[in-house]
């Protein structure tokens, strides 16, 4: 009888050690999975927040650029040709500065992605081209330039709306 007690104790002890080892491996694996899941969630949130910031910055600057365009339209209605020419010259400089800032923001959106939002941002940037060409024409007293400038608003706002839609889709897809 005494030697069967030893075997029972050894078997019970061995089973306890094996159960402890299996439990430990399971807990380690569960902890690793939980840590990986948390890291992926943090990375996804950082990506989403970076995109959101880039998108909002581009939208805000597009509105600031539109304010320059509205000032051009107002200046064009000025009756005094000399004052109009001076104002338009100043606005050309502001428009070029606004374009440069807009282009930098478009590059950030291209970096942040995804491709749909980047393409919409590029289309928005390209929608500023007709304003620039028309503004140059206004300074050269091209009689059709004002009409071209006014016609550029609708495509610009359409491109901005398309970008907002693409940005929203990108943020909600994650």
N, C-alpha and C. Protein backbone atom coordinates (compact mmCIF):
# COMPACT_ATOMS: atom_id res chain seq x y z
N UNK A 1 0.81 -1.21 0.00
CA UNK A 1 0.00 0.00 0.00
C UNK A 1 0.85 1.26 0.00
N UNK A 2 1.96 1.33 0.76
CA UNK A 2 2.74 2.55 0.80
C UNK A 2 3.29 2.93 -0.57
N UNK A 3 3.74 1.99 -1.42
CA UNK A 3 4.28 2.39 -2.69
C UNK A 3 3.20 2.84 -3.66
N UNK A 4 1.93 2.46 -3.54
CA UNK A 4 0.87 2.98 -4.42
C UNK A 4 0.53 4.42 -4.05
N UNK A 5 0.71 4.79 -2.81
CA UNK A 5 0.48 6.16 -2.38
C UNK A 5 1.49 7.08 -3.04
N UNK A 6 2.74 6.61 -3.12
CA UNK A 6 3.77 7.39 -3.78
C UNK A 6 3.41 7.64 -5.24
N UNK A 7 2.95 6.60 -5.93
CA UNK A 7 2.60 6.75 -7.34
C UNK A 7 1.39 7.65 -7.54
N UNK A 8 0.44 7.54 -6.63
CA UNK A 8 -0.73 8.42 -6.72
C UNK A 8 -0.31 9.86 -6.47
N UNK A 9 0.55 10.08 -5.49
CA UNK A 9 1.03 11.44 -5.19
C UNK A 9 1.84 11.97 -6.36
N UNK A 10 2.69 11.13 -6.96
CA UNK A 10 3.51 11.56 -8.10
C UNK A 10 2.61 11.89 -9.30
N UNK A 11 1.61 11.05 -9.53
CA UNK A 11 0.69 11.30 -10.65
C UNK A 11 -0.13 12.57 -10.40
N UNK A 12 -0.59 12.78 -9.20
CA UNK A 12 -1.35 13.99 -8.86
C UNK A 12 -0.46 15.22 -9.00
N UNK A 13 0.76 15.14 -8.50
CA UNK A 13 1.70 16.26 -8.61
C UNK A 13 2.04 16.57 -10.07
N UNK A 14 2.29 15.51 -10.83
CA UNK A 14 2.60 15.68 -12.25
C UNK A 14 1.44 16.30 -13.00
N UNK A 15 0.24 15.85 -12.69
CA UNK A 15 -0.96 16.41 -13.31
C UNK A 15 -1.10 17.89 -12.95
N UNK A 16 -0.82 18.23 -11.70
CA UNK A 16 -0.92 19.63 -11.27
C UNK A 16 0.11 20.50 -11.99
N UNK A 17 1.34 19.97 -12.13
CA UNK A 17 2.38 20.73 -12.83
C UNK A 17 2.01 20.90 -14.31
N UNK A 18 1.53 19.80 -14.92
CA UNK A 18 1.13 19.88 -16.32
C UNK A 18 -0.06 20.84 -16.50
N UNK A 19 -1.04 20.79 -15.62
CA UNK A 19 -2.19 21.70 -15.70
C UNK A 19 -1.74 23.15 -15.51
N UNK A 20 -0.81 23.36 -14.60
CA UNK A 20 -0.29 24.71 -14.37
C UNK A 20 0.45 25.21 -15.61
N UNK A 21 1.24 24.34 -16.24
CA UNK A 21 1.99 24.72 -17.44
C UNK A 21 1.04 25.06 -18.59
N UNK A 22 0.00 24.21 -18.77
CA UNK A 22 -0.98 24.45 -19.84
C UNK A 22 -1.72 25.77 -19.57
N UNK A 23 -2.12 26.00 -18.34
CA UNK A 23 -2.81 27.24 -17.97
C UNK A 23 -1.91 28.44 -18.21
N UNK A 24 -0.66 28.32 -17.82
CA UNK A 24 0.29 29.41 -18.00
C UNK A 24 0.47 29.74 -19.48
N UNK A 25 0.61 28.71 -20.32
CA UNK A 25 0.74 28.95 -21.77
C UNK A 25 -0.52 29.59 -22.32
N UNK A 26 -1.67 29.15 -21.86
CA UNK A 26 -2.94 29.73 -22.31
C UNK A 26 -3.06 31.19 -21.90
N UNK A 27 -2.67 31.48 -20.66
CA UNK A 27 -2.72 32.87 -20.18
C UNK A 27 -1.72 33.75 -20.93
N UNK A 28 -0.54 33.21 -21.22
CA UNK A 28 0.47 33.95 -21.96
C UNK A 28 -0.04 34.26 -23.36
N UNK A 29 -0.62 33.25 -24.00
CA UNK A 29 -1.15 33.44 -25.35
C UNK A 29 -2.30 34.46 -25.34
N UNK A 30 -3.18 34.36 -24.37
CA UNK A 30 -4.30 35.29 -24.26
C UNK A 30 -3.80 36.72 -24.02
N UNK A 31 -2.79 36.86 -23.19
CA UNK A 31 -2.23 38.19 -22.92
C UNK A 31 -1.58 38.76 -24.18
N UNK A 32 -0.88 37.92 -24.95
CA UNK A 32 -0.24 38.37 -26.19
C UNK A 32 -1.30 38.79 -27.21
N UNK A 33 -2.35 38.02 -27.33
CA UNK A 33 -3.44 38.36 -28.26
C UNK A 33 -4.09 39.67 -27.84
N UNK A 34 -4.32 39.83 -26.55
CA UNK A 34 -4.93 41.05 -26.04
C UNK A 34 -4.02 42.25 -26.30
N UNK A 35 -2.72 42.10 -26.09
CA UNK A 35 -1.78 43.20 -26.34
C UNK A 35 -1.73 43.54 -27.83
N UNK A 36 -1.71 42.53 -28.70
CA UNK A 36 -1.70 42.79 -30.14
C UNK A 36 -2.97 43.49 -30.59
N UNK A 37 -4.10 43.07 -30.04
CA UNK A 37 -5.38 43.69 -30.38
C UNK A 37 -5.40 45.15 -29.93
N UNK A 38 -4.92 45.41 -28.74
CA UNK A 38 -4.86 46.79 -28.23
C UNK A 38 -3.91 47.64 -29.09
N UNK A 39 -2.78 47.07 -29.48
CA UNK A 39 -1.83 47.81 -30.32
C UNK A 39 -2.44 48.13 -31.68
N UNK A 40 -3.14 47.16 -32.27
CA UNK A 40 -3.80 47.42 -33.56
C UNK A 40 -4.88 48.48 -33.42
N UNK A 41 -5.62 48.45 -32.34
CA UNK A 41 -6.67 49.45 -32.11
C UNK A 41 -6.06 50.84 -31.95
N UNK A 42 -4.95 50.94 -31.22
CA UNK A 42 -4.27 52.23 -31.05
C UNK A 42 -3.72 52.73 -32.38
N UNK A 43 -3.12 51.84 -33.15
CA UNK A 43 -2.57 52.22 -34.44
C UNK A 43 -3.68 52.69 -35.37
N UNK A 44 -4.79 51.98 -35.37
CA UNK A 44 -5.93 52.36 -36.20
C UNK A 44 -6.48 53.72 -35.78
N UNK A 45 -6.54 53.97 -34.50
CA UNK A 45 -7.04 55.26 -34.01
C UNK A 45 -6.08 56.39 -34.36
N UNK A 46 -4.77 56.14 -34.25
CA UNK A 46 -3.79 57.16 -34.64
C UNK A 46 -3.90 57.46 -36.14
N UNK A 47 -4.06 56.43 -36.95
CA UNK A 47 -4.22 56.63 -38.39
C UNK A 47 -5.48 57.43 -38.69
N UNK A 48 -6.56 57.06 -38.04
CA UNK A 48 -7.84 57.76 -38.24
C UNK A 48 -7.72 59.22 -37.82
N UNK A 49 -7.09 59.46 -36.69
CA UNK A 49 -6.96 60.84 -36.19
C UNK A 49 -6.05 61.66 -37.11
N UNK A 50 -4.97 61.06 -37.61
CA UNK A 50 -4.08 61.75 -38.54
C UNK A 50 -4.81 62.11 -39.83
N UNK A 51 -5.59 61.18 -40.33
CA UNK A 51 -6.38 61.45 -41.54
C UNK A 51 -7.40 62.54 -41.28
N UNK A 52 -8.09 62.43 -40.18
CA UNK A 52 -9.14 63.41 -39.86
C UNK A 52 -8.54 64.81 -39.79
N UNK A 53 -7.40 64.94 -39.13
CA UNK A 53 -6.73 66.24 -39.02
C UNK A 53 -6.34 66.77 -40.40
N UNK A 54 -5.76 65.90 -41.23
CA UNK A 54 -5.35 66.32 -42.58
C UNK A 54 -6.56 66.74 -43.41
N UNK A 55 -7.64 65.98 -43.32
CA UNK A 55 -8.84 66.29 -44.09
C UNK A 55 -9.45 67.62 -43.65
N UNK A 56 -9.57 67.81 -42.34
CA UNK A 56 -10.15 69.05 -41.83
C UNK A 56 -9.28 70.26 -42.20
N UNK A 57 -7.97 70.08 -42.14
CA UNK A 57 -7.06 71.17 -42.50
C UNK A 57 -7.23 71.56 -43.96
N UNK A 58 -7.35 70.57 -44.84
CA UNK A 58 -7.55 70.87 -46.26
C UNK A 58 -8.90 71.55 -46.49
N UNK A 59 -9.94 71.07 -45.86
CA UNK A 59 -11.27 71.67 -46.02
C UNK A 59 -11.24 73.12 -45.53
N UNK A 60 -10.65 73.35 -44.38
CA UNK A 60 -10.58 74.71 -43.83
C UNK A 60 -9.81 75.63 -44.78
N UNK A 61 -8.70 75.14 -45.31
CA UNK A 61 -7.91 76.00 -46.20
C UNK A 61 -8.62 76.22 -47.54
N UNK A 62 -9.38 75.25 -48.00
CA UNK A 62 -10.16 75.45 -49.23
C UNK A 62 -11.15 76.59 -49.04
N UNK A 63 -11.75 76.67 -47.87
CA UNK A 63 -12.67 77.77 -47.59
C UNK A 63 -11.92 79.11 -47.52
N UNK A 64 -10.72 79.10 -46.94
CA UNK A 64 -9.93 80.33 -46.89
C UNK A 64 -9.52 80.77 -48.30
N UNK A 65 -9.22 79.81 -49.16
CA UNK A 65 -8.89 80.12 -50.55
C UNK A 65 -10.10 80.71 -51.26
N UNK A 66 -11.27 80.15 -50.98
CA UNK A 66 -12.50 80.67 -51.58
C UNK A 66 -12.74 82.12 -51.15
N UNK A 67 -12.36 82.46 -49.93
CA UNK A 67 -12.50 83.85 -49.49
C UNK A 67 -11.66 84.78 -50.34
N UNK A 68 -10.48 84.35 -50.74
CA UNK A 68 -9.65 85.16 -51.65
C UNK A 68 -10.38 85.32 -52.98
N UNK A 69 -10.99 84.23 -53.47
CA UNK A 69 -11.72 84.30 -54.74
C UNK A 69 -12.90 85.28 -54.63
N UNK A 70 -13.59 85.28 -53.51
CA UNK A 70 -14.70 86.21 -53.33
C UNK A 70 -14.19 87.65 -53.32
N UNK A 71 -13.03 87.86 -52.73
CA UNK A 71 -12.44 89.21 -52.74
C UNK A 71 -12.09 89.63 -54.17
N UNK A 72 -11.63 88.68 -54.98
CA UNK A 72 -11.34 88.99 -56.39
C UNK A 72 -12.62 89.40 -57.09
N UNK A 73 -13.70 88.65 -56.86
CA UNK A 73 -14.98 89.00 -57.49
C UNK A 73 -15.44 90.38 -57.06
N UNK A 74 -15.28 90.69 -55.78
CA UNK A 74 -15.67 92.01 -55.28
C UNK A 74 -14.79 93.10 -55.89
N UNK A 75 -13.50 92.85 -55.99
CA UNK A 75 -12.57 93.84 -56.55
C UNK A 75 -12.88 94.08 -58.02
N UNK A 76 -13.30 93.05 -58.71
CA UNK A 76 -13.59 93.19 -60.13
C UNK A 76 -14.78 94.11 -60.37
N UNK A 77 -15.67 94.20 -59.40
CA UNK A 77 -16.84 95.06 -59.53
C UNK A 77 -16.53 96.52 -59.19
N UNK A 78 -15.30 96.79 -58.73
CA UNK A 78 -14.91 98.15 -58.39
C UNK A 78 -14.90 99.02 -59.65
N UNK A 79 -15.48 100.20 -59.55
CA UNK A 79 -15.62 101.08 -60.72
C UNK A 79 -14.29 101.72 -61.12
N UNK A 80 -13.44 102.01 -60.16
CA UNK A 80 -12.18 102.70 -60.45
C UNK A 80 -11.17 101.71 -61.03
N UNK A 81 -10.80 101.84 -62.31
CA UNK A 81 -9.88 100.88 -62.94
C UNK A 81 -8.49 100.84 -62.31
N UNK A 82 -8.00 102.00 -61.84
CA UNK A 82 -6.68 102.03 -61.23
C UNK A 82 -6.68 101.28 -59.90
N UNK A 83 -7.71 101.53 -59.11
CA UNK A 83 -7.85 100.84 -57.81
C UNK A 83 -8.04 99.34 -58.04
N UNK A 84 -8.82 98.99 -59.04
CA UNK A 84 -9.06 97.58 -59.37
C UNK A 84 -7.75 96.89 -59.73
N UNK A 85 -6.93 97.53 -60.55
CA UNK A 85 -5.65 96.95 -60.97
C UNK A 85 -4.73 96.72 -59.77
N UNK A 86 -4.67 97.69 -58.88
CA UNK A 86 -3.83 97.57 -57.68
C UNK A 86 -4.34 96.44 -56.79
N UNK A 87 -5.64 96.40 -56.58
CA UNK A 87 -6.24 95.36 -55.74
C UNK A 87 -6.03 93.98 -56.35
N UNK A 88 -6.23 93.87 -57.66
CA UNK A 88 -6.04 92.57 -58.32
C UNK A 88 -4.58 92.12 -58.22
N UNK A 89 -3.64 93.04 -58.32
CA UNK A 89 -2.23 92.68 -58.19
C UNK A 89 -1.95 92.11 -56.80
N UNK A 90 -2.51 92.74 -55.77
CA UNK A 90 -2.35 92.24 -54.41
C UNK A 90 -3.02 90.88 -54.24
N UNK A 91 -4.19 90.74 -54.85
CA UNK A 91 -4.92 89.48 -54.73
C UNK A 91 -4.25 88.33 -55.48
N UNK A 92 -3.54 88.65 -56.55
CA UNK A 92 -2.77 87.60 -57.25
C UNK A 92 -1.73 87.02 -56.30
N UNK A 93 -1.05 87.89 -55.55
CA UNK A 93 -0.05 87.42 -54.59
C UNK A 93 -0.70 86.57 -53.50
N UNK A 94 -1.82 87.01 -53.00
CA UNK A 94 -2.53 86.24 -51.96
C UNK A 94 -3.04 84.92 -52.51
N UNK A 95 -3.50 84.96 -53.76
CA UNK A 95 -4.00 83.72 -54.38
C UNK A 95 -2.87 82.71 -54.57
N UNK A 96 -1.69 83.19 -54.97
CA UNK A 96 -0.54 82.28 -55.12
C UNK A 96 -0.12 81.70 -53.77
N UNK A 97 -0.15 82.53 -52.74
CA UNK A 97 0.18 82.05 -51.40
C UNK A 97 -0.85 81.01 -50.94
N UNK A 98 -2.12 81.30 -51.18
CA UNK A 98 -3.18 80.37 -50.79
C UNK A 98 -3.04 79.05 -51.55
N UNK A 99 -2.69 79.14 -52.84
CA UNK A 99 -2.50 77.94 -53.64
C UNK A 99 -1.36 77.08 -53.08
N UNK A 100 -0.26 77.73 -52.73
CA UNK A 100 0.88 76.99 -52.17
C UNK A 100 0.49 76.26 -50.89
N UNK A 101 -0.25 76.93 -50.04
CA UNK A 101 -0.70 76.29 -48.79
C UNK A 101 -1.68 75.16 -49.07
N UNK A 102 -2.56 75.38 -50.03
CA UNK A 102 -3.52 74.33 -50.39
C UNK A 102 -2.76 73.12 -50.94
N UNK A 103 -1.78 73.35 -51.78
CA UNK A 103 -1.02 72.25 -52.38
C UNK A 103 -0.29 71.45 -51.31
N UNK A 104 0.27 72.11 -50.30
CA UNK A 104 0.93 71.39 -49.21
C UNK A 104 -0.06 70.52 -48.46
N UNK A 105 -1.25 71.02 -48.24
CA UNK A 105 -2.27 70.24 -47.54
C UNK A 105 -2.73 69.05 -48.38
N UNK A 106 -2.79 69.24 -49.68
CA UNK A 106 -3.14 68.14 -50.57
C UNK A 106 -2.07 67.05 -50.47
N UNK A 107 -0.82 67.44 -50.39
CA UNK A 107 0.27 66.46 -50.26
C UNK A 107 0.13 65.66 -48.96
N UNK A 108 -0.28 66.31 -47.89
CA UNK A 108 -0.47 65.60 -46.62
C UNK A 108 -1.60 64.58 -46.77
N UNK A 109 -2.68 64.97 -47.44
CA UNK A 109 -3.78 64.04 -47.67
C UNK A 109 -3.31 62.88 -48.54
N UNK A 110 -2.48 63.17 -49.54
CA UNK A 110 -1.92 62.08 -50.36
C UNK A 110 -1.12 61.12 -49.50
N UNK A 111 -0.39 61.64 -48.53
CA UNK A 111 0.40 60.82 -47.63
C UNK A 111 -0.49 59.99 -46.71
N UNK A 112 -1.50 60.63 -46.15
CA UNK A 112 -2.37 59.96 -45.19
C UNK A 112 -3.29 58.93 -45.86
N UNK A 113 -3.70 59.24 -47.11
CA UNK A 113 -4.55 58.30 -47.86
C UNK A 113 -5.96 58.30 -47.36
N UNK A 114 -6.71 57.34 -47.78
CA UNK A 114 -6.48 56.31 -48.79
C UNK A 114 -6.54 56.91 -50.20
N UNK A 115 -6.35 56.09 -51.22
CA UNK A 115 -6.29 56.61 -52.59
C UNK A 115 -7.52 57.42 -53.02
N UNK A 116 -8.70 57.05 -52.59
CA UNK A 116 -9.91 57.79 -52.98
C UNK A 116 -9.90 59.22 -52.45
N UNK A 117 -9.49 59.39 -51.21
CA UNK A 117 -9.42 60.73 -50.62
C UNK A 117 -8.29 61.52 -51.28
N UNK A 118 -7.17 60.87 -51.58
CA UNK A 118 -6.06 61.55 -52.23
C UNK A 118 -6.45 62.03 -53.63
N UNK A 119 -7.17 61.21 -54.36
CA UNK A 119 -7.62 61.60 -55.71
C UNK A 119 -8.59 62.78 -55.64
N UNK A 120 -9.49 62.75 -54.67
CA UNK A 120 -10.43 63.86 -54.51
C UNK A 120 -9.70 65.14 -54.10
N UNK A 121 -8.67 65.02 -53.27
CA UNK A 121 -7.88 66.19 -52.88
C UNK A 121 -7.15 66.77 -54.09
N UNK A 122 -6.61 65.90 -54.92
CA UNK A 122 -5.94 66.37 -56.15
C UNK A 122 -6.93 67.07 -57.08
N UNK A 123 -8.12 66.53 -57.19
CA UNK A 123 -9.15 67.15 -58.04
C UNK A 123 -9.51 68.54 -57.49
N UNK A 124 -9.57 68.67 -56.18
CA UNK A 124 -9.84 69.97 -55.55
C UNK A 124 -8.73 70.96 -55.89
N UNK A 125 -7.49 70.52 -55.77
CA UNK A 125 -6.36 71.39 -56.09
C UNK A 125 -6.42 71.82 -57.55
N UNK A 126 -6.75 70.90 -58.45
CA UNK A 126 -6.83 71.23 -59.87
C UNK A 126 -8.00 72.18 -60.17
N UNK A 127 -9.03 72.16 -59.33
CA UNK A 127 -10.18 73.04 -59.54
C UNK A 127 -9.83 74.50 -59.26
N UNK A 128 -8.66 74.76 -58.70
CA UNK A 128 -8.24 76.15 -58.50
C UNK A 128 -7.59 76.73 -59.76
N UNK A 129 -7.21 75.90 -60.70
CA UNK A 129 -6.55 76.36 -61.91
C UNK A 129 -7.35 77.37 -62.72
N UNK A 130 -8.63 77.11 -62.98
CA UNK A 130 -9.41 78.10 -63.73
C UNK A 130 -9.47 79.47 -63.06
N UNK A 131 -9.51 79.51 -61.74
CA UNK A 131 -9.49 80.80 -61.04
C UNK A 131 -8.18 81.53 -61.34
N UNK A 132 -7.09 80.80 -61.23
CA UNK A 132 -5.78 81.42 -61.45
C UNK A 132 -5.65 81.96 -62.88
N UNK A 133 -6.02 81.14 -63.85
CA UNK A 133 -5.93 81.59 -65.25
C UNK A 133 -6.83 82.80 -65.50
N UNK A 134 -8.04 82.76 -64.95
CA UNK A 134 -8.97 83.88 -65.14
C UNK A 134 -8.45 85.14 -64.45
N UNK A 135 -7.87 84.98 -63.28
CA UNK A 135 -7.33 86.13 -62.56
C UNK A 135 -6.19 86.77 -63.36
N UNK A 136 -5.35 85.95 -63.95
CA UNK A 136 -4.28 86.49 -64.82
C UNK A 136 -4.91 87.24 -66.00
N UNK A 137 -5.98 86.67 -66.55
CA UNK A 137 -6.68 87.33 -67.65
C UNK A 137 -7.29 88.66 -67.23
N UNK A 138 -7.82 88.72 -66.01
CA UNK A 138 -8.38 89.97 -65.51
C UNK A 138 -7.31 91.05 -65.44
N UNK A 139 -6.13 90.67 -65.00
CA UNK A 139 -5.04 91.64 -64.91
C UNK A 139 -4.60 92.11 -66.28
N UNK A 140 -4.83 91.28 -67.30
CA UNK A 140 -4.47 91.65 -68.68
C UNK A 140 -5.64 92.27 -69.43
N UNK A 141 -6.72 92.56 -68.70
CA UNK A 141 -7.93 93.15 -69.27
C UNK A 141 -8.58 92.28 -70.35
N UNK A 142 -8.50 90.96 -70.17
CA UNK A 142 -9.20 90.04 -71.07
C UNK A 142 -10.69 90.17 -70.78
N UNK A 143 -11.51 90.52 -71.79
CA UNK A 143 -12.93 90.74 -71.54
C UNK A 143 -13.69 89.49 -71.11
N UNK A 144 -13.17 88.31 -71.41
CA UNK A 144 -13.85 87.07 -71.05
C UNK A 144 -13.40 86.52 -69.69
N UNK A 145 -12.39 87.13 -69.12
CA UNK A 145 -11.80 86.60 -67.88
C UNK A 145 -12.78 86.60 -66.71
N UNK A 146 -13.57 87.65 -66.59
CA UNK A 146 -14.53 87.71 -65.48
C UNK A 146 -15.54 86.56 -65.59
N UNK A 147 -16.02 86.31 -66.78
CA UNK A 147 -16.96 85.19 -66.98
C UNK A 147 -16.31 83.86 -66.65
N UNK A 148 -15.05 83.68 -67.05
CA UNK A 148 -14.34 82.44 -66.73
C UNK A 148 -14.14 82.29 -65.22
N UNK A 149 -13.84 83.43 -64.58
CA UNK A 149 -13.64 83.40 -63.13
C UNK A 149 -14.94 83.00 -62.43
N UNK A 150 -16.05 83.64 -62.81
CA UNK A 150 -17.33 83.31 -62.19
C UNK A 150 -17.75 81.87 -62.46
N UNK A 151 -17.41 81.37 -63.65
CA UNK A 151 -17.76 79.98 -64.00
C UNK A 151 -16.94 78.96 -63.22
N UNK A 152 -15.84 79.38 -62.62
CA UNK A 152 -14.97 78.45 -61.90
C UNK A 152 -15.50 78.10 -60.51
N UNK A 153 -16.43 78.88 -59.98
CA UNK A 153 -16.95 78.60 -58.63
C UNK A 153 -17.64 77.24 -58.54
N UNK A 154 -18.53 76.96 -59.46
CA UNK A 154 -19.31 75.71 -59.37
C UNK A 154 -18.41 74.47 -59.38
N UNK A 155 -17.44 74.35 -60.31
CA UNK A 155 -16.56 73.17 -60.26
C UNK A 155 -15.71 73.11 -58.98
N UNK A 156 -15.31 74.28 -58.48
CA UNK A 156 -14.53 74.30 -57.24
C UNK A 156 -15.35 73.75 -56.08
N UNK A 157 -16.57 74.26 -55.91
CA UNK A 157 -17.41 73.79 -54.81
C UNK A 157 -17.80 72.33 -54.99
N UNK A 158 -17.98 71.92 -56.23
CA UNK A 158 -18.27 70.51 -56.50
C UNK A 158 -17.09 69.63 -56.11
N UNK A 159 -15.88 70.06 -56.44
CA UNK A 159 -14.68 69.30 -56.07
C UNK A 159 -14.51 69.26 -54.56
N UNK A 160 -14.83 70.35 -53.89
CA UNK A 160 -14.74 70.36 -52.42
C UNK A 160 -15.76 69.40 -51.82
N UNK A 161 -16.97 69.40 -52.36
CA UNK A 161 -18.01 68.47 -51.88
C UNK A 161 -17.57 67.02 -52.11
N UNK A 162 -17.00 66.75 -53.27
CA UNK A 162 -16.51 65.40 -53.56
C UNK A 162 -15.41 65.00 -52.58
N UNK A 163 -14.54 65.95 -52.24
CA UNK A 163 -13.49 65.64 -51.27
C UNK A 163 -14.09 65.35 -49.90
N UNK A 164 -15.03 66.15 -49.47
CA UNK A 164 -15.66 65.92 -48.17
C UNK A 164 -16.30 64.53 -48.14
N UNK A 165 -16.98 64.16 -49.22
CA UNK A 165 -17.59 62.83 -49.29
C UNK A 165 -16.54 61.72 -49.21
N UNK A 166 -15.45 61.89 -49.96
CA UNK A 166 -14.38 60.87 -49.96
C UNK A 166 -13.72 60.80 -48.59
N UNK A 167 -13.53 61.94 -47.94
CA UNK A 167 -12.93 61.96 -46.61
C UNK A 167 -13.84 61.26 -45.60
N UNK A 168 -15.12 61.56 -45.66
CA UNK A 168 -16.07 60.92 -44.75
C UNK A 168 -16.08 59.40 -44.97
N UNK A 169 -16.10 58.99 -46.24
CA UNK A 169 -16.09 57.56 -46.54
C UNK A 169 -14.82 56.90 -46.00
N UNK A 170 -13.69 57.57 -46.14
CA UNK A 170 -12.43 57.02 -45.66
C UNK A 170 -12.43 56.89 -44.14
N UNK A 171 -12.98 57.86 -43.46
CA UNK A 171 -12.99 57.82 -41.99
C UNK A 171 -13.96 56.77 -41.46
N UNK A 172 -15.07 56.56 -42.17
CA UNK A 172 -16.06 55.60 -41.70
C UNK A 172 -15.76 54.18 -42.15
N UNK A 173 -14.84 54.04 -43.09
CA UNK A 173 -14.49 52.69 -43.57
C UNK A 173 -13.62 51.94 -42.58
N UNK A 174 -13.01 52.67 -41.69
CA UNK A 174 -12.08 52.02 -40.73
C UNK A 174 -12.81 51.45 -39.56
